[in-house]
Protein backbone atom coordinates (compact mmCIF):
# COMPACT_ATOMS: atom_id res chain seq x y z
CA UNK A 1 -9.63 -1.81 -4.90
CA UNK A 2 -9.21 -1.34 -8.65
CA UNK A 3 -6.04 -3.45 -8.93
CA UNK A 4 -7.65 -6.41 -7.17
CA UNK A 5 -10.70 -6.16 -9.41
CA UNK A 6 -8.49 -6.23 -12.51
CA UNK A 7 -6.57 -9.28 -11.25
CA UNK A 8 -9.79 -11.13 -10.58
CA UNK A 9 -11.25 -10.18 -13.95
CA UNK A 10 -8.12 -11.46 -15.69
CA UNK A 11 -8.22 -14.73 -13.74
CA UNK A 12 -4.81 -14.10 -12.20
CA UNK A 13 -3.78 -15.84 -9.02
CA UNK A 14 -2.33 -13.37 -6.54
CA UNK A 15 -1.45 -12.58 -2.96
CA UNK A 16 -1.07 -9.07 -1.59
CA UNK A 17 1.11 -7.56 1.11
CA UNK A 18 -0.56 -4.48 2.54
CA UNK A 19 -1.47 -2.53 5.68
CA UNK A 20 -5.10 -1.78 4.90
CA UNK A 21 -6.93 -5.03 5.53
CA UNK A 22 -9.29 -3.53 8.10
CA UNK A 23 -10.09 -0.59 5.82
CA UNK A 24 -10.96 -2.40 2.58
CA UNK A 25 -12.88 -5.69 2.21
CA UNK A 26 -10.84 -6.49 -0.92
CA UNK A 27 -7.95 -7.40 1.38
CA UNK A 28 -9.89 -9.98 3.41
CA UNK A 29 -8.60 -12.81 1.19
CA UNK A 30 -5.26 -13.61 -0.47
CA UNK A 31 -3.64 -10.91 1.65
CA UNK A 32 -0.95 -10.63 4.31
CA UNK A 33 -1.42 -7.48 6.37
CA UNK A 34 0.29 -5.98 9.37
CA UNK A 35 -1.07 -3.94 12.23
CA UNK A 36 0.67 -1.00 13.88
CA UNK A 37 -1.40 -0.21 16.94
CA UNK A 38 -0.46 -3.09 19.24
CA UNK A 39 3.28 -2.66 18.82
CA UNK A 40 2.96 1.06 19.53
CA UNK A 41 0.86 0.34 22.61
CA UNK A 42 3.55 -2.08 23.82
CA UNK A 43 6.14 0.66 23.37
CA UNK A 44 4.05 3.15 25.34
CA UNK A 45 3.50 0.61 28.10
CA UNK A 46 7.26 0.02 28.23
CA UNK A 47 8.00 3.75 28.51
CA UNK A 48 5.31 4.34 31.13
CA UNK A 49 5.08 1.19 33.23
CA UNK A 50 8.60 -0.21 32.97
CA UNK A 51 10.63 3.00 32.81
CA UNK A 52 8.35 5.47 34.62
CA UNK A 53 7.89 8.18 31.97
CA UNK A 54 4.81 10.39 32.20
CA UNK A 55 5.93 13.22 29.89
CA UNK A 56 6.02 11.62 26.46
CA UNK A 57 6.15 13.55 23.20
CA UNK A 58 5.01 12.44 19.76
CA UNK A 59 6.63 13.27 16.43
CA UNK A 60 4.68 12.06 13.43
CA UNK A 61 3.30 12.35 9.96
CA UNK A 62 -0.16 13.51 9.12
CA UNK A 63 -1.25 10.87 6.59
CA UNK A 64 -4.70 9.78 7.79
CA UNK A 65 -4.36 6.10 6.83
CA UNK A 66 -0.74 5.08 7.21
CA UNK A 67 0.12 6.94 10.41
CA UNK A 68 -3.25 6.90 12.15
CA UNK A 69 -2.67 3.60 13.97
CA UNK A 70 0.69 4.73 15.33
CA UNK A 71 -0.76 7.92 16.73
CA UNK A 72 -3.76 6.00 18.10
CA UNK A 73 -1.38 3.65 19.93
CA UNK A 74 0.31 6.67 21.48
CA UNK A 75 -3.03 8.10 22.59
CA UNK A 76 -4.34 4.80 23.95
CA UNK A 77 -1.10 4.25 25.82
CA UNK A 78 -1.49 7.59 27.58
CA UNK A 79 -5.18 7.19 28.29
CA UNK A 80 -4.93 3.65 29.66
CA UNK A 81 -2.34 4.87 32.14
CA UNK A 82 -4.32 7.98 33.15
CA UNK A 83 -1.78 10.37 31.64
CA UNK A 84 -3.27 13.55 30.12
CA UNK A 85 -2.58 14.19 26.44
CA UNK A 86 -0.77 17.51 25.99
CA UNK A 87 -1.08 19.36 22.71
CA UNK A 88 2.36 20.93 23.11
CA UNK A 89 3.92 17.46 23.21
CA UNK A 90 2.39 16.44 19.85
CA UNK A 91 3.91 17.47 16.52
CA UNK A 92 2.20 16.03 13.43
CA UNK A 93 1.82 16.74 9.74
CA UNK A 94 5.47 16.05 8.91
CA UNK A 95 6.62 14.70 5.54
CA UNK A 96 8.94 12.10 7.01
CA UNK A 97 12.51 13.22 6.42
CA UNK A 98 15.24 13.09 9.04
CA UNK A 99 15.24 16.88 9.04
CA UNK A 100 11.57 16.82 10.07
CA UNK A 101 12.43 14.80 13.14
CA UNK A 102 15.33 17.12 13.89
CA UNK A 103 13.22 20.29 13.73
CA UNK A 104 10.36 18.72 15.69
CA UNK A 105 12.69 17.68 18.49
CA UNK A 106 14.13 21.19 18.64
CA UNK A 107 10.59 22.48 19.19
CA UNK A 108 9.95 19.96 21.96
CA UNK A 109 13.24 20.75 23.70
CA UNK A 110 12.40 24.46 23.61
CA UNK A 111 9.31 23.93 25.74
CA UNK A 112 9.35 25.25 29.29
CA UNK A 113 8.82 21.68 30.48
CA UNK A 114 10.04 19.37 27.70
CA UNK A 115 9.12 15.68 27.57
CA UNK A 116 11.41 13.08 29.11
CA UNK A 117 10.67 10.62 26.30
CA UNK A 118 9.68 10.99 22.64
CA UNK A 119 8.05 8.50 20.27
CA UNK A 120 8.68 9.24 16.58
CA UNK A 121 6.37 7.34 14.24
CA UNK A 122 9.23 6.43 11.89
CA UNK A 123 12.84 5.49 12.55
CA UNK A 124 13.95 8.17 10.10
CA UNK A 125 12.36 10.91 12.20
CA UNK A 126 13.67 9.27 15.38
CA UNK A 127 17.25 9.45 14.08
CA UNK A 128 16.72 13.14 13.33
CA UNK A 129 15.38 13.63 16.85
CA UNK A 130 18.44 11.95 18.36
CA UNK A 131 20.74 14.27 16.37
CA UNK A 132 18.80 17.31 17.62
CA UNK A 133 19.14 16.12 21.21
CA UNK A 134 22.89 15.59 20.76
CA UNK A 135 23.29 19.03 19.17
CA UNK A 136 21.50 20.52 22.17
CA UNK A 137 24.14 18.99 24.45
CA UNK A 138 21.88 16.20 25.72
CA UNK A 139 22.63 12.52 26.09
CA UNK A 140 20.26 9.86 24.82
CA UNK A 141 18.88 8.20 26.89
CA UNK A 142 20.40 9.74 30.03
CA UNK A 143 18.66 13.07 29.43
CA UNK A 144 15.85 12.07 27.10
CA UNK A 145 14.59 8.75 25.74
CA UNK A 146 13.76 8.41 22.03
CA UNK A 147 12.04 5.55 20.21
CA UNK A 148 10.99 4.98 16.61
CA UNK A 149 8.90 2.71 14.41
CA UNK A 150 9.81 0.36 11.50
CA UNK A 151 13.14 -1.23 12.56
CA UNK A 152 14.88 -0.03 9.41
CA UNK A 153 18.21 -1.73 8.58
CA UNK A 154 21.03 -0.03 10.45
CA UNK A 155 19.10 1.53 13.33
CA UNK A 156 20.58 -1.09 15.63
CA UNK A 157 23.95 0.57 14.93
CA UNK A 158 22.85 4.16 15.59
CA UNK A 159 24.23 6.07 18.58
CA UNK A 160 22.64 4.84 20.73
CA UNK A 161 21.02 1.76 19.16
CA UNK A 162 17.38 2.71 18.57
CA UNK A 163 14.48 1.17 20.46
CA UNK A 164 11.68 0.76 17.94
CA UNK A 165 8.54 -1.08 16.88
CA UNK A 166 9.32 -3.75 14.30
CA UNK A 167 7.20 -4.44 11.23
CA UNK A 168 7.58 -8.17 10.38
CA UNK A 169 8.75 -7.70 6.80
CA UNK A 170 10.42 -11.10 6.45
CA UNK A 171 7.44 -13.00 7.86
CA UNK A 172 5.08 -11.07 5.59
CA UNK A 173 7.04 -12.10 2.50
CA UNK A 174 7.27 -15.72 3.62
CA UNK A 175 3.57 -15.99 4.41
CA UNK A 176 2.60 -14.30 1.14
CA UNK A 177 4.51 -16.96 -0.84
CA UNK A 178 3.03 -19.76 1.26
CA UNK A 179 -0.43 -18.27 0.76
CA UNK A 180 0.06 -18.15 -3.01
CA UNK A 181 1.11 -21.82 -3.09
CA UNK A 182 -1.98 -22.68 -1.04
CA UNK A 183 -4.14 -20.61 -3.40
CA UNK A 184 -2.77 -22.55 -6.37
CA UNK A 185 -3.19 -25.90 -4.61
CA UNK A 186 -6.79 -25.54 -3.43
CA UNK A 187 -8.02 -23.47 -6.36
CA UNK A 188 -9.90 -20.86 -4.36
CA UNK A 189 -9.36 -17.75 -2.27
CA UNK A 190 -7.38 -18.06 0.96
CA UNK A 191 -8.42 -16.18 4.09
CA UNK A 192 -6.07 -13.26 4.75
CA UNK A 193 -3.88 -12.96 7.83
CA UNK A 194 -2.70 -10.00 9.90
CA UNK A 195 0.72 -10.05 11.58
CA UNK A 196 1.55 -8.17 14.75
CA UNK A 197 4.13 -5.42 15.08
CA UNK A 198 6.43 -5.91 18.05
CA UNK A 199 8.58 -3.87 20.42
CA UNK A 200 12.37 -4.06 20.13
CA UNK A 201 14.11 -2.69 23.22
CA UNK A 202 17.60 -1.33 22.63
CA UNK A 203 19.63 1.41 24.31
CA UNK A 204 17.87 4.65 23.32
CA UNK A 205 15.40 4.54 26.23
CA UNK A 206 15.91 4.48 29.98
CA UNK A 207 14.29 5.71 33.16
CA UNK A 208 13.99 9.52 33.34
CA UNK A 209 16.71 11.49 35.11
CA UNK A 210 19.51 8.95 34.67
CA UNK A 211 22.25 11.58 34.31
CA UNK A 212 21.73 12.77 37.88
CA UNK A 213 21.82 9.31 39.45
C-alpha cells in the first residue's frame, strides 16, 4: 500500500484501522482489522436454525472488496444448511442509499413467492427495505423479517428496532491506540489483530408466518 510505504520511508510510527488485512500483506503489522463473514454467518444461522426461515433474500452492493465477505456469509449460511441459492432472491450492484434498499425490497415483494426474510448488507439499505414493506401494507417482522449490517447509531430506535451485524468500532479505536503505545514502547512493528463482527438480535426478525398465529 502506497500510504504505508510512505509512512515507513518517513520513519513515522503508525497504526491503521482497516478491513483489508487478509488482502494486503502491508496490513499484517501495526493494524487493527475487522472481519465481516463470521457475523453474517451467525445472522444466517439465526434466521435459519433459530427462526426457521428457508426463503431468505439478499440486498447488497456490488463492490468486490468491501461487500464480498457479507455476500459470502449469506451464501455459506445457505449452503451449510442445504438451502438452494435462488437468483431471484439476490439483488446486488446497489450504490448504498436508503432508496436502493426500498426499490430492491419492492422487487422482492413483487415475486410470485417472495422471501420470508431479507438480509441487507448495510443498515441504510435495511431501513429502506423496512419502509418498502410498510408501504406495501406488511408488518415487520410479522409478515417479513429484515436484518442489516453495521449497527449504525439510531437503528436500535427504528420501527421495529433493527437486528443487525455489529462492527466493533469502539474496540477497534481502543486497540489501535493501545497498539500505537506498544509500538512506541518496544520500538518495532506490532503484529496486527482482527476483530470479529457480531450478531445483535432486536425486534425486526421473527419466525415466518407470525401474523397468522
